[in-house]
Structure formats: structure tokens, C-alpha cells
Amino acid sequence: LPQWLASVVQGTADRTWAHVNWRQGQNLALAVAVVALMVLVVPLTLSG
């Protein structure tokens, strides 16, 4: 994720996003959401 975000920042600075792997970004977004759901279960159930 940090490397991909760096490529997005570089693409924004150069005003070109041809070298950004957007498919990887899509998979990363899905992975972040999945991990966030599993992590949030802990405070959700403990507080419940």
C-alpha cells in the first residue's frame, strides 16, 4: 500500500498517471475494507 500511494502522489505531481497500477489499487481498496471489518469486530463485540 505505501508504495502504491507513493506512485499515486508521483503521478499527481507529474500530472500523469500512466505508470500507476490502478488494478492493484482496486485490490488494495478491497483488502483494506476486509481487514477493517475484521478489526472492528473486536471493539464492537467487546463494547456490546
All heavy atoms as atom14 arrays in JSON, in Angstrom:
{
  "sequence": "LPQWLASVVQGTADRTWAHVNWRQGQNLALAVAVVALMVLVVPLTLSG",
  "atom14_mask": [
    [1, 1, 1, 1, 1, 1, 1, 1, 0, 0, 0, 0, 0, 0],
    [1, 1, 1, 1, 1, 1, 1, 0, 0, 0, 0, 0, 0, 0],
    [1, 1, 1, 1, 1, 1, 1, 1, 1, 0, 0, 0, 0, 0],
    [1, 1, 1, 1, 1, 1, 1, 1, 1, 1, 1, 1, 1, 1],
    [1, 1, 1, 1, 1, 1, 1, 1, 0, 0, 0, 0, 0, 0],
    [1, 1, 1, 1, 1, 0, 0, 0, 0, 0, 0, 0, 0, 0],
    [1, 1, 1, 1, 1, 1, 0, 0, 0, 0, 0, 0, 0, 0],
    [1, 1, 1, 1, 1, 1, 1, 0, 0, 0, 0, 0, 0, 0],
    [1, 1, 1, 1, 1, 1, 1, 0, 0, 0, 0, 0, 0, 0],
    [1, 1, 1, 1, 1, 1, 1, 1, 1, 0, 0, 0, 0, 0],
    [1, 1, 1, 1, 0, 0, 0, 0, 0, 0, 0, 0, 0, 0],
    [1, 1, 1, 1, 1, 1, 1, 0, 0, 0, 0, 0, 0, 0],
    [1, 1, 1, 1, 1, 0, 0, 0, 0, 0, 0, 0, 0, 0],
    [1, 1, 1, 1, 1, 1, 1, 1, 0, 0, 0, 0, 0, 0],
    [1, 1, 1, 1, 1, 1, 1, 1, 1, 1, 1, 0, 0, 0],
    [1, 1, 1, 1, 1, 1, 1, 0, 0, 0, 0, 0, 0, 0],
    [1, 1, 1, 1, 1, 1, 1, 1, 1, 1, 1, 1, 1, 1],
    [1, 1, 1, 1, 1, 0, 0, 0, 0, 0, 0, 0, 0, 0],
    [1, 1, 1, 1, 1, 1, 1, 1, 1, 1, 0, 0, 0, 0],
    [1, 1, 1, 1, 1, 1, 1, 0, 0, 0, 0, 0, 0, 0],
    [1, 1, 1, 1, 1, 1, 1, 1, 0, 0, 0, 0, 0, 0],
    [1, 1, 1, 1, 1, 1, 1, 1, 1, 1, 1, 1, 1, 1],
    [1, 1, 1, 1, 1, 1, 1, 1, 1, 1, 1, 0, 0, 0],
    [1, 1, 1, 1, 1, 1, 1, 1, 1, 0, 0, 0, 0, 0],
    [1, 1, 1, 1, 0, 0, 0, 0, 0, 0, 0, 0, 0, 0],
    [1, 1, 1, 1, 1, 1, 1, 1, 1, 0, 0, 0, 0, 0],
    [1, 1, 1, 1, 1, 1, 1, 1, 0, 0, 0, 0, 0, 0],
    [1, 1, 1, 1, 1, 1, 1, 1, 0, 0, 0, 0, 0, 0],
    [1, 1, 1, 1, 1, 0, 0, 0, 0, 0, 0, 0, 0, 0],
    [1, 1, 1, 1, 1, 1, 1, 1, 0, 0, 0, 0, 0, 0],
    [1, 1, 1, 1, 1, 0, 0, 0, 0, 0, 0, 0, 0, 0],
    [1, 1, 1, 1, 1, 1, 1, 0, 0, 0, 0, 0, 0, 0],
    [1, 1, 1, 1, 1, 0, 0, 0, 0, 0, 0, 0, 0, 0],
    [1, 1, 1, 1, 1, 1, 1, 0, 0, 0, 0, 0, 0, 0],
    [1, 1, 1, 1, 1, 1, 1, 0, 0, 0, 0, 0, 0, 0],
    [1, 1, 1, 1, 1, 0, 0, 0, 0, 0, 0, 0, 0, 0],
    [1, 1, 1, 1, 1, 1, 1, 1, 0, 0, 0, 0, 0, 0],
    [1, 1, 1, 1, 1, 1, 1, 1, 0, 0, 0, 0, 0, 0],
    [1, 1, 1, 1, 1, 1, 1, 0, 0, 0, 0, 0, 0, 0],
    [1, 1, 1, 1, 1, 1, 1, 1, 0, 0, 0, 0, 0, 0],
    [1, 1, 1, 1, 1, 1, 1, 0, 0, 0, 0, 0, 0, 0],
    [1, 1, 1, 1, 1, 1, 1, 0, 0, 0, 0, 0, 0, 0],
    [1, 1, 1, 1, 1, 1, 1, 0, 0, 0, 0, 0, 0, 0],
    [1, 1, 1, 1, 1, 1, 1, 1, 0, 0, 0, 0, 0, 0],
    [1, 1, 1, 1, 1, 1, 1, 0, 0, 0, 0, 0, 0, 0],
    [1, 1, 1, 1, 1, 1, 1, 1, 0, 0, 0, 0, 0, 0],
    [1, 1, 1, 1, 1, 1, 0, 0, 0, 0, 0, 0, 0, 0],
    [1, 1, 1, 1, 0, 0, 0, 0, 0, 0, 0, 0, 0, 0]
  ],
  "atom14_positions": [
    [[0.81, -1.22, 0.0], [0.0, 0.0, 0.0], [0.85, 1.28, 0.0], [0.57, 2.19, -0.79], [-0.95, -0.02, 1.21], [-1.87, 1.2, 1.37], [-2.77, 1.37, 0.14], [-2.73, 1.06, 2.63], [0.0, 0.0, 0.0], [0.0, 0.0, 0.0], [0.0, 0.0, 0.0], [0.0, 0.0, 0.0], [0.0, 0.0, 0.0], [0.0, 0.0, 0.0]],
    [[1.89, 1.41, 0.85], [2.68, 2.64, 0.82], [3.32, 2.9, -0.55], [3.35, 4.04, -1.03], [3.74, 2.41, 1.9], [3.12, 1.42, 2.83], [2.32, 0.52, 1.95], [0.0, 0.0, 0.0], [0.0, 0.0, 0.0], [0.0, 0.0, 0.0], [0.0, 0.0, 0.0], [0.0, 0.0, 0.0], [0.0, 0.0, 0.0], [0.0, 0.0, 0.0]],
    [[3.83, 1.84, -1.18], [4.45, 2.01, -2.49], [3.42, 2.46, -3.52], [3.71, 3.32, -4.37], [5.1, 0.7, -2.93], [5.8, 0.77, -4.27], [6.41, -0.56, -4.68], [6.3, -1.54, -3.95], [7.04, -0.59, -5.84], [0.0, 0.0, 0.0], [0.0, 0.0, 0.0], [0.0, 0.0, 0.0], [0.0, 0.0, 0.0], [0.0, 0.0, 0.0]],
    [[2.22, 1.89, -3.45], [1.19, 2.28, -4.41], [0.76, 3.73, -4.19], [0.57, 4.48, -5.16], [-0.01, 1.35, -4.3], [-1.05, 1.63, -5.33], [-1.07, 1.19, -6.62], [-2.22, 2.44, -5.17], [-2.18, 1.67, -7.29], [-2.9, 2.45, -6.41], [-2.75, 3.16, -4.11], [-4.1, 3.15, -6.61], [-3.93, 3.86, -4.3], [-4.59, 3.85, -5.53]],
    [[0.59, 4.12, -2.94], [0.23, 5.51, -2.65], [1.31, 6.47, -3.13], [1.01, 7.56, -3.63], [-0.01, 5.68, -1.15], [-1.25, 4.99, -0.57], [-1.31, 5.16, 0.93], [-2.53, 5.54, -1.21], [0.0, 0.0, 0.0], [0.0, 0.0, 0.0], [0.0, 0.0, 0.0], [0.0, 0.0, 0.0], [0.0, 0.0, 0.0], [0.0, 0.0, 0.0]],
    [[2.57, 6.07, -2.99], [3.67, 6.9, -3.47], [3.6, 7.07, -4.99], [3.89, 8.16, -5.51], [5.01, 6.28, -3.07], [0.0, 0.0, 0.0], [0.0, 0.0, 0.0], [0.0, 0.0, 0.0], [0.0, 0.0, 0.0], [0.0, 0.0, 0.0], [0.0, 0.0, 0.0], [0.0, 0.0, 0.0], [0.0, 0.0, 0.0], [0.0, 0.0, 0.0]],
    [[3.21, 6.01, -5.69], [3.08, 6.13, -7.15], [1.95, 7.07, -7.53], [2.03, 7.79, -8.53], [2.85, 4.75, -7.76], [1.58, 4.22, -7.4], [0.0, 0.0, 0.0], [0.0, 0.0, 0.0], [0.0, 0.0, 0.0], [0.0, 0.0, 0.0], [0.0, 0.0, 0.0], [0.0, 0.0, 0.0], [0.0, 0.0, 0.0], [0.0, 0.0, 0.0]],
    [[0.88, 7.08, -6.73], [-0.23, 8.0, -7.0], [0.21, 9.44, -6.75], [-0.1, 10.35, -7.53], [-1.45, 7.65, -6.13], [-2.55, 8.69, -6.29], [-1.97, 6.26, -6.48], [0.0, 0.0, 0.0], [0.0, 0.0, 0.0], [0.0, 0.0, 0.0], [0.0, 0.0, 0.0], [0.0, 0.0, 0.0], [0.0, 0.0, 0.0], [0.0, 0.0, 0.0]],
    [[0.95, 9.67, -5.67], [1.45, 11.0, -5.36], [2.38, 11.48, -6.47], [2.32, 12.63, -6.92], [2.17, 11.01, -4.0], [2.86, 12.36, -3.77], [1.18, 10.72, -2.87], [0.0, 0.0, 0.0], [0.0, 0.0, 0.0], [0.0, 0.0, 0.0], [0.0, 0.0, 0.0], [0.0, 0.0, 0.0], [0.0, 0.0, 0.0], [0.0, 0.0, 0.0]],
    [[3.26, 10.59, -6.93], [4.18, 10.95, -8.0], [3.43, 11.25, -9.29], [3.75, 12.2, -10.02], [5.17, 9.8, -8.23], [6.25, 10.12, -9.26], [7.15, 11.24, -8.81], [7.48, 11.34, -7.63], [7.56, 12.1, -9.75], [0.0, 0.0, 0.0], [0.0, 0.0, 0.0], [0.0, 0.0, 0.0], [0.0, 0.0, 0.0], [0.0, 0.0, 0.0]],
    [[2.41, 10.45, -9.58], [1.6, 10.69, -10.76], [0.85, 12.01, -10.69], [0.68, 12.7, -11.7], [0.0, 0.0, 0.0], [0.0, 0.0, 0.0], [0.0, 0.0, 0.0], [0.0, 0.0, 0.0], [0.0, 0.0, 0.0], [0.0, 0.0, 0.0], [0.0, 0.0, 0.0], [0.0, 0.0, 0.0], [0.0, 0.0, 0.0], [0.0, 0.0, 0.0]],
    [[0.4, 12.37, -9.49], [-0.28, 13.64, -9.31], [0.68, 14.8, -9.51], [0.35, 15.82, -10.14], [-0.91, 13.71, -7.91], [-1.79, 12.6, -7.73], [-1.68, 15.0, -7.74], [0.0, 0.0, 0.0], [0.0, 0.0, 0.0], [0.0, 0.0, 0.0], [0.0, 0.0, 0.0], [0.0, 0.0, 0.0], [0.0, 0.0, 0.0], [0.0, 0.0, 0.0]],
    [[1.9, 14.66, -8.99], [2.89, 15.73, -9.15], [3.3, 15.9, -10.6], [3.49, 17.03, -11.08], [4.11, 15.41, -8.29], [0.0, 0.0, 0.0], [0.0, 0.0, 0.0], [0.0, 0.0, 0.0], [0.0, 0.0, 0.0], [0.0, 0.0, 0.0], [0.0, 0.0, 0.0], [0.0, 0.0, 0.0], [0.0, 0.0, 0.0], [0.0, 0.0, 0.0]],
    [[3.42, 14.79, -11.33], [3.83, 14.86, -12.74], [2.67, 15.08, -13.68], [2.88, 15.22, -14.89], [4.56, 13.57, -13.13], [5.83, 13.34, -12.33], [6.32, 14.33, -11.75], [6.28, 12.19, -12.26], [0.0, 0.0, 0.0], [0.0, 0.0, 0.0], [0.0, 0.0, 0.0], [0.0, 0.0, 0.0], [0.0, 0.0, 0.0], [0.0, 0.0, 0.0]],
    [[1.46, 15.06, -13.12], [0.24, 15.18, -13.92], [0.14, 14.09, -14.99], [-0.34, 14.3, -16.09], [0.16, 16.57, -14.58], [0.03, 17.7, -13.57], [-0.21, 19.02, -14.25], [-0.37, 20.09, -13.26], [-0.62, 21.37, -13.59], [-0.73, 21.72, -14.88], [-0.75, 22.27, -12.64], [0.0, 0.0, 0.0], [0.0, 0.0, 0.0], [0.0, 0.0, 0.0]],
    [[0.61, 12.95, -14.63], [0.46, 11.78, -15.49], [0.31, 10.57, -14.6], [1.06, 10.39, -13.64], [1.66, 11.61, -16.43], [1.5, 10.36, -17.13], [2.97, 11.59, -15.67], [0.0, 0.0, 0.0], [0.0, 0.0, 0.0], [0.0, 0.0, 0.0], [0.0, 0.0, 0.0], [0.0, 0.0, 0.0], [0.0, 0.0, 0.0], [0.0, 0.0, 0.0]],
    [[-0.66, 9.73, -14.91], [-0.94, 8.56, -14.09], [-0.78, 7.26, -14.89], [-1.32, 6.24, -14.53], [-2.36, 8.65, -13.54], [-2.56, 9.77, -12.57], [-2.32, 9.74, -11.23], [-3.0, 11.09, -12.86], [-2.6, 10.96, -10.66], [-3.02, 11.82, -11.65], [-3.38, 11.76, -14.03], [-3.4, 13.16, -11.56], [-3.76, 13.09, -13.95], [-3.77, 13.78, -12.73]],
    [[-0.02, 7.36, -15.97], [0.13, 6.19, -16.83], [0.86, 5.05, -16.12], [0.62, 3.87, -16.4], [0.88, 6.56, -18.11], [0.0, 0.0, 0.0], [0.0, 0.0, 0.0], [0.0, 0.0, 0.0], [0.0, 0.0, 0.0], [0.0, 0.0, 0.0], [0.0, 0.0, 0.0], [0.0, 0.0, 0.0], [0.0, 0.0, 0.0], [0.0, 0.0, 0.0]],
    [[1.77, 5.41, -15.2], [2.56, 4.38, -14.53], [1.9, 3.87, -13.25], [2.46, 3.02, -12.57], [3.95, 4.94, -14.18], [3.9, 6.09, -13.21], [3.52, 7.35, -13.58], [4.18, 6.14, -11.88], [3.57, 8.15, -12.52], [3.96, 7.45, -11.47], [0.0, 0.0, 0.0], [0.0, 0.0, 0.0], [0.0, 0.0, 0.0], [0.0, 0.0, 0.0]],
    [[0.71, 4.39, -12.92], [0.01, 3.93, -11.72], [-0.74, 2.64, -12.03], [-1.48, 2.56, -13.02], [-0.96, 5.01, -11.2], [-1.73, 4.49, -9.99], [-0.21, 6.28, -10.86], [0.0, 0.0, 0.0], [0.0, 0.0, 0.0], [0.0, 0.0, 0.0], [0.0, 0.0, 0.0], [0.0, 0.0, 0.0], [0.0, 0.0, 0.0], [0.0, 0.0, 0.0]],
    [[-0.56, 1.64, -11.2], [-1.25, 0.36, -11.37], [-2.62, 0.46, -10.71], [-2.78, 0.2, -9.51], [-0.43, -0.77, -10.74], [-0.99, -2.15, -11.09], [-2.15, -2.29, -11.46], [-0.15, -3.16, -10.96], [0.0, 0.0, 0.0], [0.0, 0.0, 0.0], [0.0, 0.0, 0.0], [0.0, 0.0, 0.0], [0.0, 0.0, 0.0], [0.0, 0.0, 0.0]],
    [[-3.63, 0.85, -11.49], [-4.96, 1.07, -10.94], [-5.63, -0.24, -10.52], [-6.44, -0.26, -9.6], [-5.82, 1.82, -11.93], [-5.34, 3.22, -12.16], [-4.77, 3.71, -13.3], [-5.35, 4.31, -11.22], [-4.42, 5.03, -13.13], [-4.77, 5.42, -11.87], [-5.77, 4.43, -9.9], [-4.62, 6.65, -11.24], [-5.62, 5.65, -9.27], [-5.05, 6.75, -9.93]],
    [[-5.32, -1.31, -11.21], [-5.9, -2.6, -10.82], [-5.4, -3.01, -9.44], [-6.15, -3.54, -8.62], [-5.57, -3.67, -11.85], [-6.32, -4.99, -11.61], [-6.01, -6.0, -12.7], [-6.81, -7.21, -12.53], [-8.0, -7.41, -13.02], [-8.58, -6.45, -13.73], [-8.65, -8.55, -12.81], [0.0, 0.0, 0.0], [0.0, 0.0, 0.0], [0.0, 0.0, 0.0]],
    [[-4.12, -2.75, -9.17], [-3.59, -3.02, -7.85], [-4.28, -2.15, -6.8], [-4.57, -2.61, -5.69], [-2.09, -2.76, -7.82], [-1.44, -3.02, -6.46], [0.01, -2.58, -6.41], [0.48, -1.87, -7.29], [0.72, -3.0, -5.37], [0.0, 0.0, 0.0], [0.0, 0.0, 0.0], [0.0, 0.0, 0.0], [0.0, 0.0, 0.0], [0.0, 0.0, 0.0]],
    [[-4.57, -0.91, -7.16], [-5.28, -0.02, -6.24], [-6.67, -0.53, -5.92], [-7.14, -0.42, -4.78], [0.0, 0.0, 0.0], [0.0, 0.0, 0.0], [0.0, 0.0, 0.0], [0.0, 0.0, 0.0], [0.0, 0.0, 0.0], [0.0, 0.0, 0.0], [0.0, 0.0, 0.0], [0.0, 0.0, 0.0], [0.0, 0.0, 0.0], [0.0, 0.0, 0.0]],
    [[-7.34, -1.1, -6.91], [-8.67, -1.66, -6.68], [-8.59, -2.83, -5.7], [-9.41, -2.93, -4.77], [-9.27, -2.12, -8.02], [-9.49, -0.99, -9.01], [-9.73, -1.51, -10.42], [-9.89, -2.72, -10.63], [-9.77, -0.61, -11.39], [0.0, 0.0, 0.0], [0.0, 0.0, 0.0], [0.0, 0.0, 0.0], [0.0, 0.0, 0.0], [0.0, 0.0, 0.0]],
    [[-7.63, -3.71, -5.9], [-7.46, -4.85, -5.0], [-7.07, -4.39, -3.59], [-7.5, -4.99, -2.59], [-6.4, -5.79, -5.55], [-6.83, -6.46, -6.85], [-8.02, -6.65, -7.09], [-5.87, -6.79, -7.69], [0.0, 0.0, 0.0], [0.0, 0.0, 0.0], [0.0, 0.0, 0.0], [0.0, 0.0, 0.0], [0.0, 0.0, 0.0], [0.0, 0.0, 0.0]],
    [[-6.27, -3.34, -3.51], [-5.89, -2.81, -2.2], [-7.1, -2.23, -1.47], [-7.23, -2.42, -0.25], [-4.82, -1.73, -2.38], [-3.38, -2.23, -2.58], [-2.47, -1.07, -2.96], [-2.88, -2.93, -1.33], [0.0, 0.0, 0.0], [0.0, 0.0, 0.0], [0.0, 0.0, 0.0], [0.0, 0.0, 0.0], [0.0, 0.0, 0.0], [0.0, 0.0, 0.0]],
    [[-7.95, -1.53, -2.17], [-9.15, -0.96, -1.54], [-10.02, -2.06, -0.97], [-10.55, -1.95, 0.15], [-9.93, -0.12, -2.56], [0.0, 0.0, 0.0], [0.0, 0.0, 0.0], [0.0, 0.0, 0.0], [0.0, 0.0, 0.0], [0.0, 0.0, 0.0], [0.0, 0.0, 0.0], [0.0, 0.0, 0.0], [0.0, 0.0, 0.0], [0.0, 0.0, 0.0]],
    [[-10.16, -3.14, -1.71], [-10.97, -4.27, -1.24], [-10.31, -4.93, -0.03], [-10.99, -5.28, 0.94], [-11.13, -5.29, -2.37], [-12.23, -6.34, -2.21], [-13.59, -5.68, -2.02], [-12.24, -7.26, -3.41], [0.0, 0.0, 0.0], [0.0, 0.0, 0.0], [0.0, 0.0, 0.0], [0.0, 0.0, 0.0], [0.0, 0.0, 0.0], [0.0, 0.0, 0.0]],
    [[-8.99, -5.08, -0.06], [-8.28, -5.7, 1.06], [-8.36, -4.85, 2.32], [-8.55, -5.37, 3.43], [-6.82, -5.94, 0.67], [0.0, 0.0, 0.0], [0.0, 0.0, 0.0], [0.0, 0.0, 0.0], [0.0, 0.0, 0.0], [0.0, 0.0, 0.0], [0.0, 0.0, 0.0], [0.0, 0.0, 0.0], [0.0, 0.0, 0.0], [0.0, 0.0, 0.0]],
    [[-8.24, -3.53, 2.17], [-8.33, -2.63, 3.32], [-9.71, -2.73, 3.97], [-9.85, -2.76, 5.19], [-8.02, -1.19, 2.9], [-8.39, -0.21, 4.01], [-6.55, -1.04, 2.54], [0.0, 0.0, 0.0], [0.0, 0.0, 0.0], [0.0, 0.0, 0.0], [0.0, 0.0, 0.0], [0.0, 0.0, 0.0], [0.0, 0.0, 0.0], [0.0, 0.0, 0.0]],
    [[-10.75, -2.79, 3.14], [-12.11, -2.89, 3.67], [-12.3, -4.21, 4.43], [-12.92, -4.23, 5.5], [-13.12, -2.78, 2.53], [0.0, 0.0, 0.0], [0.0, 0.0, 0.0], [0.0, 0.0, 0.0], [0.0, 0.0, 0.0], [0.0, 0.0, 0.0], [0.0, 0.0, 0.0], [0.0, 0.0, 0.0], [0.0, 0.0, 0.0], [0.0, 0.0, 0.0]],
    [[-11.78, -5.29, 3.89], [-11.92, -6.6, 4.55], [-11.21, -6.6, 5.9], [-11.76, -7.06, 6.92], [-11.37, -7.72, 3.64], [-11.29, -9.04, 4.39], [-12.25, -7.87, 2.41], [0.0, 0.0, 0.0], [0.0, 0.0, 0.0], [0.0, 0.0, 0.0], [0.0, 0.0, 0.0], [0.0, 0.0, 0.0], [0.0, 0.0, 0.0], [0.0, 0.0, 0.0]],
    [[-9.98, -6.09, 5.94], [-9.23, -6.05, 7.18], [-9.91, -5.14, 8.2], [-9.99, -5.45, 9.39], [-7.78, -5.58, 6.92], [-7.05, -5.34, 8.22], [-7.05, -6.61, 6.07], [0.0, 0.0, 0.0], [0.0, 0.0, 0.0], [0.0, 0.0, 0.0], [0.0, 0.0, 0.0], [0.0, 0.0, 0.0], [0.0, 0.0, 0.0], [0.0, 0.0, 0.0]],
    [[-10.44, -4.0, 7.73], [-11.12, -3.08, 8.63], [-12.35, -3.73, 9.27], [-12.61, -3.54, 10.47], [-11.53, -1.81, 7.87], [0.0, 0.0, 0.0], [0.0, 0.0, 0.0], [0.0, 0.0, 0.0], [0.0, 0.0, 0.0], [0.0, 0.0, 0.0], [0.0, 0.0, 0.0], [0.0, 0.0, 0.0], [0.0, 0.0, 0.0], [0.0, 0.0, 0.0]],
    [[-13.07, -4.53, 8.51], [-14.25, -5.2, 9.05], [-13.84, -6.19, 10.15], [-14.5, -6.28, 11.19], [-15.0, -5.93, 7.93], [-15.77, -5.04, 6.95], [-16.34, -5.88, 5.82], [-16.87, -4.27, 7.66], [0.0, 0.0, 0.0], [0.0, 0.0, 0.0], [0.0, 0.0, 0.0], [0.0, 0.0, 0.0], [0.0, 0.0, 0.0], [0.0, 0.0, 0.0]],
    [[-12.79, -6.95, 9.91], [-12.36, -7.92, 10.91], [-11.83, -7.23, 12.16], [-12.06, -7.7, 13.28], [-11.31, -8.85, 10.3], [-11.88, -9.79, 9.26], [-10.74, -11.14, 8.8], [-9.47, -10.21, 7.94], [0.0, 0.0, 0.0], [0.0, 0.0, 0.0], [0.0, 0.0, 0.0], [0.0, 0.0, 0.0], [0.0, 0.0, 0.0], [0.0, 0.0, 0.0]],
    [[-11.13, -6.12, 11.99], [-10.59, -5.4, 13.14], [-11.71, -4.77, 13.96], [-11.7, -4.82, 15.2], [-9.58, -4.33, 12.68], [-9.2, -3.41, 13.83], [-8.34, -4.99, 12.09], [0.0, 0.0, 0.0], [0.0, 0.0, 0.0], [0.0, 0.0, 0.0], [0.0, 0.0, 0.0], [0.0, 0.0, 0.0], [0.0, 0.0, 0.0], [0.0, 0.0, 0.0]],
    [[-12.71, -4.21, 13.3], [-13.78, -3.51, 14.0], [-14.68, -4.45, 14.8], [-15.38, -4.0, 15.72], [-14.63, -2.72, 13.0], [-14.05, -1.38, 12.53], [-14.9, -0.79, 11.41], [-13.96, -0.4, 13.7], [0.0, 0.0, 0.0], [0.0, 0.0, 0.0], [0.0, 0.0, 0.0], [0.0, 0.0, 0.0], [0.0, 0.0, 0.0], [0.0, 0.0, 0.0]],
    [[-14.67, -5.73, 14.45], [-15.49, -6.67, 15.21], [-15.05, -6.71, 16.68], [-15.88, -6.9, 17.58], [-15.4, -8.08, 14.58], [-16.09, -9.11, 15.48], [-16.06, -8.09, 13.22], [0.0, 0.0, 0.0], [0.0, 0.0, 0.0], [0.0, 0.0, 0.0], [0.0, 0.0, 0.0], [0.0, 0.0, 0.0], [0.0, 0.0, 0.0], [0.0, 0.0, 0.0]],
    [[-13.77, -6.52, 16.94], [-13.25, -6.62, 18.3], [-13.86, -5.55, 19.22], [-14.49, -5.88, 20.23], [-11.71, -6.56, 18.31], [-11.2, -6.59, 19.74], [-11.13, -7.72, 17.5], [0.0, 0.0, 0.0], [0.0, 0.0, 0.0], [0.0, 0.0, 0.0], [0.0, 0.0, 0.0], [0.0, 0.0, 0.0], [0.0, 0.0, 0.0], [0.0, 0.0, 0.0]],
    [[-13.72, -4.24, 18.9], [-14.35, -3.25, 19.78], [-15.87, -3.32, 19.75], [-16.53, -2.99, 20.75], [-13.84, -1.91, 19.23], [-13.48, -2.19, 17.82], [-12.96, -3.58, 17.81], [0.0, 0.0, 0.0], [0.0, 0.0, 0.0], [0.0, 0.0, 0.0], [0.0, 0.0, 0.0], [0.0, 0.0, 0.0], [0.0, 0.0, 0.0], [0.0, 0.0, 0.0]],
    [[-16.43, -3.76, 18.63], [-17.89, -3.85, 18.52], [-18.45, -4.88, 19.49], [-19.39, -4.6, 20.25], [-18.27, -4.19, 17.08], [-19.77, -4.31, 16.78], [-20.47, -2.98, 17.02], [-19.99, -4.78, 15.35], [0.0, 0.0, 0.0], [0.0, 0.0, 0.0], [0.0, 0.0, 0.0], [0.0, 0.0, 0.0], [0.0, 0.0, 0.0], [0.0, 0.0, 0.0]],
    [[-17.87, -6.07, 19.5], [-18.4, -7.13, 20.36], [-18.01, -6.93, 21.82], [-18.8, -7.23, 22.73], [-17.91, -8.5, 19.87], [-16.48, -8.49, 19.76], [-18.51, -8.82, 18.52], [0.0, 0.0, 0.0], [0.0, 0.0, 0.0], [0.0, 0.0, 0.0], [0.0, 0.0, 0.0], [0.0, 0.0, 0.0], [0.0, 0.0, 0.0], [0.0, 0.0, 0.0]],
    [[-16.79, -6.42, 22.08], [-16.38, -6.19, 23.46], [-17.23, -5.1, 24.12], [-17.67, -5.24, 25.27], [-14.91, -5.8, 23.52], [-13.9, -6.92, 23.23], [-12.47, -6.39, 23.31], [-14.09, -8.09, 24.19], [0.0, 0.0, 0.0], [0.0, 0.0, 0.0], [0.0, 0.0, 0.0], [0.0, 0.0, 0.0], [0.0, 0.0, 0.0], [0.0, 0.0, 0.0]],
    [[-17.47, -4.02, 23.39], [-18.32, -2.95, 23.94], [-19.76, -3.43, 24.08], [-20.46, -3.03, 25.02], [-18.25, -1.7, 23.06], [-18.71, -1.99, 21.74], [0.0, 0.0, 0.0], [0.0, 0.0, 0.0], [0.0, 0.0, 0.0], [0.0, 0.0, 0.0], [0.0, 0.0, 0.0], [0.0, 0.0, 0.0], [0.0, 0.0, 0.0], [0.0, 0.0, 0.0]],
    [[-20.19, -4.3, 23.18], [-21.54, -4.86, 23.3], [-21.67, -5.75, 24.52], [-22.68, -5.7, 25.24], [0.0, 0.0, 0.0], [0.0, 0.0, 0.0], [0.0, 0.0, 0.0], [0.0, 0.0, 0.0], [0.0, 0.0, 0.0], [0.0, 0.0, 0.0], [0.0, 0.0, 0.0], [0.0, 0.0, 0.0], [0.0, 0.0, 0.0], [0.0, 0.0, 0.0]]
  ]
}
